[in-house]
Amino acid sequence: MAGMTSTIPTSFSDPVNARILAVSEDRLQGFQRDPLGEIARQSGVELSEVIARIQAMLRAGTIRRVRQTLLATNLAQGALVAWQVPPDRLDAAFEYMFQRDPFSGHVVIRTTDSATAGAKYRLWTTVKVPQGFSMTRHCEFLSRQTGAERFLLLPAKKLFTLGVGHVRRRGLEPGSRADVPADVTDVTVTALTDPEWRVLIALKREFAPEELVPDLWAARAREAGIPLEVFLETAQTFERRNIIGRFSTFLEHVKAAASGERVTRFNALFHWAVPPGREIDAGREVGRHHIMTHAYWREGGPEFHHVNIMGVAHGTDKALLLAHKAAIDRHLAEIGVAPLYTNVFWGGRSEIKPSEISPLVYRDWCTSVGIDPDHMRA
């Protein structure tokens, strides 16, 4: 198939590719024994064509990665972190978090149109610290390396929606929402045995184009040193334990693909402060809106006007994204949870990578940067 790549369309707007991506971005929830076969079934595209198309898009950079995602908040302590960094050190801090910290995932420079205290927090990252280690101590280390003057940890208390689906979300009308409120996912850290960690680490590694074959998991089971059926059964137990996310092909969120096309242009972090005690009601209503790729209950504290619901939406038109938010605001008011305060933080420069979550990797990293791992324990 590699020799065919140049003749295969690699644009996400190609009709066949769009059918594949409408499924492969965020429709394969949980663990799939045959994810590529399931993409073929749901998209109505032959399996051989699905594989050839995804391989071609991955090689061309239209798809930036293919992998099994995890609900990492249930495997390691995690938080959205807002960083206050001197303007002259902002870009260098961004590079450090993206290039040199394996435990930082999303790294985004944001601005807000509102002159609030929160506007001082320009750098936003997600951080995962493996079980047994301290998120605060890890962020204190990052502050020393980057010159950050202050950071705020904003861990998720509840999760309401998590699914990207940029192609599927193009053309949504403001206010488009599911018939019922979103489900609530609790955030609890699950302990794993050493063999389970071996399965998990092999499971989550990104796929190279040549690894995309019909019997997808056989090579990963060999990598983990575990019989294939045991590997598959273990992965299915992970789903029951709520630590598996989705099998997904990831597009660039903001940056142009190799063709020059952009699947999204604007990345909006919406903030809502709803009356205390109504967080779950509001989160489920925000999460049911189809435009939302993420929605969480996070406590922002006084520096963010006691925001307690946060969510992310992407689009190619800023005014349309604001119309989506206005529709959500109206809906919240109609059901009796009108926000006491709301704001939008717009994403600019952005990079995304999977966060490491293995305690073994964390100990090795500590040694590599000259830290005694015991000093980083919780």
Protein backbone atom coordinates (compact mmCIF):
# COMPACT_ATOMS: atom_id res chain seq x y z
CA MET A 1 0.00 0.00 0.00
CA ALA A 2 2.94 2.34 0.64
CA GLY A 3 3.57 2.62 -3.08
CA MET A 4 -0.05 3.71 -3.65
CA THR A 5 0.04 6.63 -1.19
CA SER A 6 0.72 9.33 -3.80
CA THR A 7 -2.45 8.36 -5.74
CA ILE A 8 -4.73 8.28 -2.70
CA PRO A 9 -6.48 11.54 -1.74
CA THR A 10 -5.21 12.79 1.62
CA SER A 11 -7.46 15.82 2.18
CA PHE A 12 -9.88 15.55 5.09
CA SER A 13 -12.53 17.10 2.84
CA ASP A 14 -12.32 14.29 0.26
CA PRO A 15 -15.75 12.61 0.45
CA VAL A 16 -14.44 9.12 1.24
CA ASN A 17 -11.91 10.42 3.76
CA ALA A 18 -14.63 12.51 5.40
CA ARG A 19 -16.79 9.39 5.81
CA ILE A 20 -13.90 7.56 7.44
CA LEU A 21 -12.92 10.47 9.70
CA ALA A 22 -16.51 11.09 10.79
CA VAL A 23 -16.23 7.67 12.46
CA SER A 24 -12.54 7.38 13.28
CA GLU A 25 -12.11 10.69 15.11
CA ASP A 26 -14.33 9.91 18.08
CA ARG A 27 -16.98 7.28 17.35
CA LEU A 28 -14.99 4.22 18.52
CA GLN A 29 -15.51 4.53 22.24
CA GLY A 30 -13.88 2.04 24.59
CA PHE A 31 -11.70 -0.87 23.50
CA GLN A 32 -12.31 -2.44 20.10
CA ARG A 33 -10.86 -5.85 19.26
CA ASP A 34 -10.98 -4.86 15.57
CA PRO A 35 -11.01 -1.04 15.41
CA LEU A 36 -10.15 -0.76 11.72
CA GLY A 37 -12.88 -3.26 10.86
CA GLU A 38 -15.33 -1.24 12.96
CA ILE A 39 -14.39 1.96 11.10
CA ALA A 40 -15.07 0.12 7.84
CA ARG A 41 -18.43 -1.14 9.11
CA GLN A 42 -19.64 2.22 10.37
CA SER A 43 -18.35 4.27 7.44
CA GLY A 44 -19.44 1.85 4.73
CA VAL A 45 -15.93 1.86 3.24
CA GLU A 46 -14.11 -1.42 2.51
CA LEU A 47 -11.51 -2.39 5.12
CA SER A 48 -8.61 -2.39 2.64
CA GLU A 49 -9.62 1.12 1.53
CA VAL A 50 -9.97 2.32 5.13
CA ILE A 51 -6.45 1.12 5.91
CA ALA A 52 -4.97 2.61 2.72
CA ARG A 53 -6.69 5.95 3.31
CA ILE A 54 -5.69 6.26 6.97
CA GLN A 55 -2.11 5.26 6.13
CA ALA A 56 -1.98 7.88 3.37
CA MET A 57 -3.45 10.63 5.56
CA LEU A 58 -1.06 9.74 8.37
CA ARG A 59 1.96 9.85 6.04
CA ALA A 60 0.78 13.15 4.57
CA GLY A 61 0.26 14.75 7.99
CA THR A 62 -3.49 15.19 7.56
CA ILE A 63 -3.83 12.77 10.49
CA ARG A 64 -1.22 13.57 13.13
CA ARG A 65 -1.53 10.33 15.11
CA VAL A 66 -3.50 7.11 15.43
CA ARG A 67 -3.78 5.57 18.86
CA GLN A 68 -5.90 4.02 21.57
CA THR A 69 -6.61 6.77 24.07
CA LEU A 70 -6.92 6.27 27.80
CA LEU A 71 -8.97 8.03 30.44
CA ALA A 72 -5.70 9.16 31.95
CA THR A 73 -7.47 11.06 34.72
CA ASN A 74 -8.35 7.59 36.08
CA LEU A 75 -4.76 6.32 35.81
CA ALA A 76 -2.76 9.25 37.13
CA GLN A 77 -3.38 12.48 38.98
CA GLY A 78 -4.16 15.10 36.38
CA ALA A 79 -5.03 18.75 36.13
CA LEU A 80 -5.46 21.60 33.76
CA VAL A 81 -2.75 24.03 34.82
CA ALA A 82 -2.85 27.80 34.28
CA TRP A 83 0.63 29.36 34.30
CA GLN A 84 1.56 32.99 34.86
CA VAL A 85 4.80 33.50 32.93
CA PRO A 86 6.66 36.79 32.19
CA PRO A 87 5.90 37.81 28.57
CA ASP A 88 9.55 37.59 27.54
CA ARG A 89 9.73 33.96 28.73
CA LEU A 90 6.36 32.77 27.43
CA ASP A 91 7.58 31.15 24.21
CA ALA A 92 10.52 29.47 25.94
CA ALA A 93 8.18 28.12 28.64
CA PHE A 94 5.88 26.79 25.93
CA GLU A 95 8.79 25.00 24.26
CA TYR A 96 9.98 23.51 27.55
CA MET A 97 6.55 22.12 28.42
CA PHE A 98 6.09 20.68 24.93
CA GLN A 99 9.59 19.40 24.21
CA ARG A 100 11.04 18.51 27.58
CA ASP A 101 8.27 17.52 29.99
CA PRO A 102 6.87 14.07 29.14
CA PHE A 103 4.01 14.59 31.59
CA SER A 104 2.58 17.73 29.97
CA GLY A 105 0.01 16.99 27.26
CA HIS A 106 -1.91 19.89 25.74
CA VAL A 107 0.24 23.06 25.70
CA VAL A 108 -1.61 26.21 24.61
CA ILE A 109 -0.99 29.95 24.75
CA ARG A 110 -4.33 31.65 25.40
CA THR A 111 -5.72 35.17 25.46
CA THR A 112 -9.03 36.53 26.68
CA ASP A 113 -11.00 39.57 25.55
CA SER A 114 -11.98 40.22 29.17
CA ALA A 115 -9.54 42.24 31.30
CA THR A 116 -9.89 39.96 34.31
CA ALA A 117 -7.28 38.74 36.77
CA GLY A 118 -7.29 35.46 34.87
CA ALA A 119 -5.94 37.25 31.79
CA LYS A 120 -2.47 37.09 33.37
CA TYR A 121 -2.50 33.32 32.86
CA ARG A 122 -1.40 32.99 29.25
CA LEU A 123 0.11 29.48 29.25
CA TRP A 124 -2.28 26.57 29.78
CA THR A 125 -1.22 22.94 29.95
CA THR A 126 -2.56 19.59 31.01
CA VAL A 127 -0.31 17.70 33.41
CA LYS A 128 -0.47 14.06 34.47
CA VAL A 129 1.70 12.82 37.34
CA PRO A 130 1.84 9.04 37.87
CA GLN A 131 0.43 7.41 40.96
CA GLY A 132 2.46 8.01 44.10
CA PHE A 133 4.03 11.28 42.98
CA SER A 134 3.09 14.91 43.71
CA MET A 135 1.53 17.12 41.04
CA THR A 136 2.37 20.22 43.08
CA ARG A 137 6.05 19.27 43.36
CA HIS A 138 6.17 18.47 39.67
CA CYS A 139 4.73 21.89 38.77
CA GLU A 140 7.12 23.59 41.20
CA PHE A 141 9.98 21.93 39.30
CA LEU A 142 8.53 23.14 35.98
CA SER A 143 8.22 26.66 37.42
CA ARG A 144 11.92 26.69 38.29
CA GLN A 145 12.84 25.52 34.80
CA THR A 146 10.61 27.97 32.94
CA GLY A 147 10.54 31.06 35.16
CA ALA A 148 6.80 30.78 35.75
CA GLU A 149 5.80 33.16 38.54
CA ARG A 150 2.65 31.32 39.58
CA PHE A 151 0.55 28.34 38.64
CA LEU A 152 -2.95 27.19 39.48
CA LEU A 153 -3.91 23.52 39.48
CA LEU A 154 -7.42 22.97 38.13
CA PRO A 155 -8.11 19.22 38.50
CA ALA A 156 -11.33 17.79 37.09
CA LYS A 157 -13.93 16.78 39.66
CA LYS A 158 -16.34 15.34 37.07
CA LEU A 159 -16.17 14.72 33.32
CA PHE A 160 -19.20 15.35 31.10
CA THR A 161 -17.92 14.95 27.56
CA LEU A 162 -14.66 13.99 25.86
CA GLY A 163 -14.57 13.44 22.10
CA VAL A 164 -13.02 15.42 19.29
CA GLY A 165 -14.78 14.75 15.96
CA HIS A 166 -13.77 17.94 14.14
CA VAL A 167 -14.97 16.72 10.74
CA ARG A 168 -18.29 15.59 12.20
CA ARG A 169 -18.75 18.95 13.94
CA ARG A 170 -18.27 21.10 10.85
CA GLY A 171 -21.51 22.85 9.93
CA LEU A 172 -23.28 22.37 13.26
CA GLU A 173 -26.04 24.86 13.99
CA PRO A 174 -25.70 26.82 17.27
CA GLY A 175 -27.74 25.12 19.96
CA SER A 176 -27.50 21.66 18.39
CA ARG A 177 -27.60 19.19 21.26
CA ALA A 178 -28.36 15.62 22.21
CA ASP A 179 -31.88 14.61 23.26
CA VAL A 180 -30.73 13.89 26.80
CA PRO A 181 -28.13 15.44 29.14
CA ALA A 182 -24.57 14.11 29.03
CA ASP A 183 -23.47 11.34 31.34
CA VAL A 184 -21.30 12.05 34.36
CA THR A 185 -17.94 10.31 34.67
CA ASP A 186 -16.27 10.22 38.06
CA VAL A 187 -12.53 10.87 38.34
CA THR A 188 -10.93 8.10 40.40
CA VAL A 189 -7.40 6.74 40.15
CA THR A 190 -7.21 2.99 39.41
CA ALA A 191 -4.25 0.87 40.59
CA LEU A 192 -2.68 -1.56 38.09
CA THR A 193 -0.38 -4.56 38.42
CA ASP A 194 2.96 -4.70 36.58
CA PRO A 195 1.59 -7.02 33.83
CA GLU A 196 -1.39 -4.68 33.40
CA TRP A 197 0.99 -1.73 32.99
CA ARG A 198 2.80 -3.70 30.25
CA VAL A 199 -0.47 -4.17 28.39
CA LEU A 200 -1.45 -0.54 28.89
CA ILE A 201 1.86 0.88 27.66
CA ALA A 202 1.74 -1.28 24.51
CA LEU A 203 -1.93 -0.44 24.02
CA LYS A 204 -1.51 3.33 24.06
CA ARG A 205 1.55 3.73 21.84
CA GLU A 206 0.89 5.52 18.56
CA PHE A 207 0.64 3.47 15.38
CA ALA A 208 3.05 4.01 12.51
CA PRO A 209 1.44 3.72 9.06
CA GLU A 210 2.93 0.27 8.43
CA GLU A 211 1.47 -1.00 11.74
CA LEU A 212 -2.08 -0.41 10.51
CA VAL A 213 -3.06 -3.94 9.56
CA PRO A 214 -6.28 -5.96 9.99
CA ASP A 215 -4.99 -7.96 13.00
CA LEU A 216 -4.04 -4.75 14.76
CA TRP A 217 -3.29 -5.93 18.29
CA ALA A 218 -1.20 -9.05 17.59
CA ALA A 219 2.09 -7.14 17.38
CA ARG A 220 1.25 -5.13 20.51
CA ALA A 221 0.60 -8.34 22.46
CA ARG A 222 4.02 -9.63 21.39
CA GLU A 223 5.55 -6.31 22.43
CA ALA A 224 4.01 -6.68 25.89
CA GLY A 225 5.17 -10.31 26.09
CA ILE A 226 1.60 -11.49 26.67
CA PRO A 227 -0.54 -13.99 24.68
CA LEU A 228 -2.91 -12.20 22.31
CA GLU A 229 -6.10 -13.44 23.94
CA VAL A 230 -4.86 -12.43 27.40
CA PHE A 231 -3.89 -9.01 25.98
CA LEU A 232 -7.38 -8.54 24.51
CA GLU A 233 -9.15 -9.73 27.65
CA THR A 234 -7.01 -7.43 29.81
CA ALA A 235 -7.82 -4.47 27.56
CA GLN A 236 -11.51 -5.28 27.89
CA THR A 237 -11.21 -5.29 31.68
CA PHE A 238 -9.65 -1.82 31.37
CA GLU A 239 -12.82 -0.65 29.65
CA ARG A 240 -14.98 -2.07 32.44
CA ARG A 241 -12.74 -0.29 34.95
CA ASN A 242 -13.28 2.98 33.08
CA ILE A 243 -9.67 3.64 32.09
CA ILE A 244 -10.04 3.26 28.30
CA GLY A 245 -11.06 6.23 26.17
CA ARG A 246 -11.45 5.68 22.44
CA PHE A 247 -9.55 4.44 19.41
CA SER A 248 -8.95 7.55 17.37
CA THR A 249 -7.34 9.20 14.38
CA PHE A 250 -6.30 12.71 15.45
CA LEU A 251 -6.31 15.67 13.08
CA GLU A 252 -4.41 18.88 13.65
CA HIS A 253 -6.51 21.10 15.91
CA VAL A 254 -5.33 24.47 14.59
CA LYS A 255 -2.25 24.10 12.41
CA ALA A 256 -2.73 23.66 8.67
CA ALA A 257 -2.38 20.19 7.20
CA ALA A 258 0.23 19.56 4.50
CA SER A 259 -2.39 20.55 1.90
CA GLY A 260 -2.82 23.95 3.56
CA GLU A 261 -6.34 23.09 4.76
CA ARG A 262 -7.39 23.70 8.35
CA VAL A 263 -9.97 21.50 10.00
CA THR A 264 -10.30 24.13 12.74
CA ARG A 265 -8.92 27.63 13.23
CA PHE A 266 -10.17 28.68 16.65
CA ASN A 267 -9.81 26.83 19.97
CA ALA A 268 -12.09 28.27 22.64
CA LEU A 269 -11.92 27.43 26.35
CA PHE A 270 -15.31 28.41 27.76
CA HIS A 271 -15.66 29.30 31.45
CA TRP A 272 -18.92 29.31 33.36
CA ALA A 273 -19.53 30.02 37.04
CA VAL A 274 -22.87 28.46 37.91
CA PRO A 275 -24.57 28.55 41.32
CA PRO A 276 -22.84 26.23 43.80
CA GLY A 277 -24.67 22.94 44.04
CA ARG A 278 -25.75 23.07 40.37
CA GLU A 279 -22.40 22.03 38.87
CA ILE A 280 -23.53 18.56 37.77
CA ASP A 281 -26.80 19.86 36.31
CA ALA A 282 -24.97 22.55 34.35
CA GLY A 283 -22.13 20.26 33.25
CA ARG A 284 -24.54 17.67 31.85
CA GLU A 285 -26.37 20.40 29.91
CA VAL A 286 -23.13 21.90 28.53
CA GLY A 287 -21.86 18.43 27.66
CA ARG A 288 -24.96 17.53 25.64
CA HIS A 289 -24.21 20.32 23.13
CA HIS A 290 -22.64 18.78 20.06
CA ILE A 291 -20.06 21.56 19.58
CA MET A 292 -18.32 20.73 22.88
CA THR A 293 -15.28 18.46 22.60
CA HIS A 294 -14.54 18.60 26.34
CA ALA A 295 -16.63 19.58 29.35
CA TYR A 296 -15.56 19.29 32.98
CA TRP A 297 -16.35 20.45 36.48
CA ARG A 298 -13.19 22.27 37.56
CA GLU A 299 -12.95 24.80 40.38
CA GLY A 300 -11.25 27.98 39.17
CA GLY A 301 -11.21 29.80 42.51
CA PRO A 302 -11.22 33.57 43.07
CA GLU A 303 -8.63 34.33 40.37
CA PHE A 304 -11.10 33.03 37.78
CA HIS A 305 -14.24 34.44 39.43
CA HIS A 306 -15.12 31.05 40.94
CA VAL A 307 -15.64 29.37 37.59
CA ASN A 308 -16.74 25.76 38.05
CA ILE A 309 -17.67 24.51 34.56
CA MET A 310 -15.09 24.56 31.77
CA GLY A 311 -15.30 23.25 28.24
CA VAL A 312 -13.55 23.39 24.89
CA ALA A 313 -14.98 23.95 21.43
CA HIS A 314 -13.23 24.25 18.07
CA GLY A 315 -14.26 25.88 14.81
CA THR A 316 -13.16 27.79 11.74
CA ASP A 317 -15.26 30.90 12.47
CA LYS A 318 -14.89 32.87 15.71
CA ALA A 319 -18.30 34.52 15.47
CA LEU A 320 -19.95 31.12 14.95
CA LEU A 321 -18.19 29.71 18.02
CA LEU A 322 -19.49 32.66 20.04
CA ALA A 323 -22.98 31.96 18.67
CA HIS A 324 -22.66 28.38 19.90
CA LYS A 325 -21.66 29.65 23.33
CA ALA A 326 -24.54 32.15 23.39
CA ALA A 327 -26.94 29.30 22.62
CA ILE A 328 -25.50 27.29 25.52
CA ASP A 329 -25.80 30.32 27.82
CA ARG A 330 -29.46 30.74 26.85
CA HIS A 331 -30.15 27.06 27.42
CA LEU A 332 -28.57 27.19 30.89
CA ALA A 333 -30.72 30.21 31.75
CA GLU A 334 -33.86 28.47 30.47
CA ILE A 335 -33.33 25.47 32.76
CA GLY A 336 -32.62 27.65 35.81
CA VAL A 337 -28.81 27.55 36.03
CA ALA A 338 -27.94 30.88 34.47
CA PRO A 339 -24.19 31.54 34.81
CA LEU A 340 -23.14 34.08 37.43
CA TYR A 341 -20.05 34.79 35.32
CA THR A 342 -18.71 33.57 32.01
CA ASN A 343 -15.64 34.13 29.84
CA VAL A 344 -13.76 32.78 26.83
CA PHE A 345 -10.02 32.07 26.62
CA TRP A 346 -8.96 31.81 22.98
CA GLY A 347 -6.18 29.44 22.00
CA GLY A 348 -3.25 30.61 19.91
CA ARG A 349 -0.06 28.62 19.61
CA SER A 350 -0.91 25.01 20.44
CA GLU A 351 0.75 21.60 20.60
CA ILE A 352 -0.68 18.30 21.79
CA LYS A 353 1.06 15.09 22.76
CA PRO A 354 0.10 12.11 24.93
CA SER A 355 1.19 12.45 28.56
CA GLU A 356 3.30 9.72 30.10
CA ILE A 357 1.52 8.07 33.04
CA SER A 358 3.79 5.18 34.01
CA PRO A 359 5.43 5.32 37.47
CA LEU A 360 8.45 3.54 35.95
CA VAL A 361 8.84 6.25 33.31
CA TYR A 362 8.48 8.93 35.99
CA ARG A 363 11.26 7.49 38.13
CA ASP A 364 13.55 7.28 35.10
CA TRP A 365 12.72 10.88 34.19
CA CYS A 366 13.52 12.08 37.72
CA THR A 367 16.94 10.46 37.50
CA SER A 368 17.55 11.98 34.05
CA VAL A 369 16.93 15.55 35.33
CA GLY A 370 18.91 15.07 38.54
CA ILE A 371 16.02 14.67 40.98
CA ASP A 372 15.72 12.00 43.64
CA PRO A 373 12.39 10.31 42.79
CA ASP A 374 11.64 10.01 46.51
CA HIS A 375 11.64 13.80 46.78
CA MET A 376 8.79 13.96 44.25
CA ARG A 377 6.50 11.59 46.10
CA ALA A 378 3.09 12.70 47.25
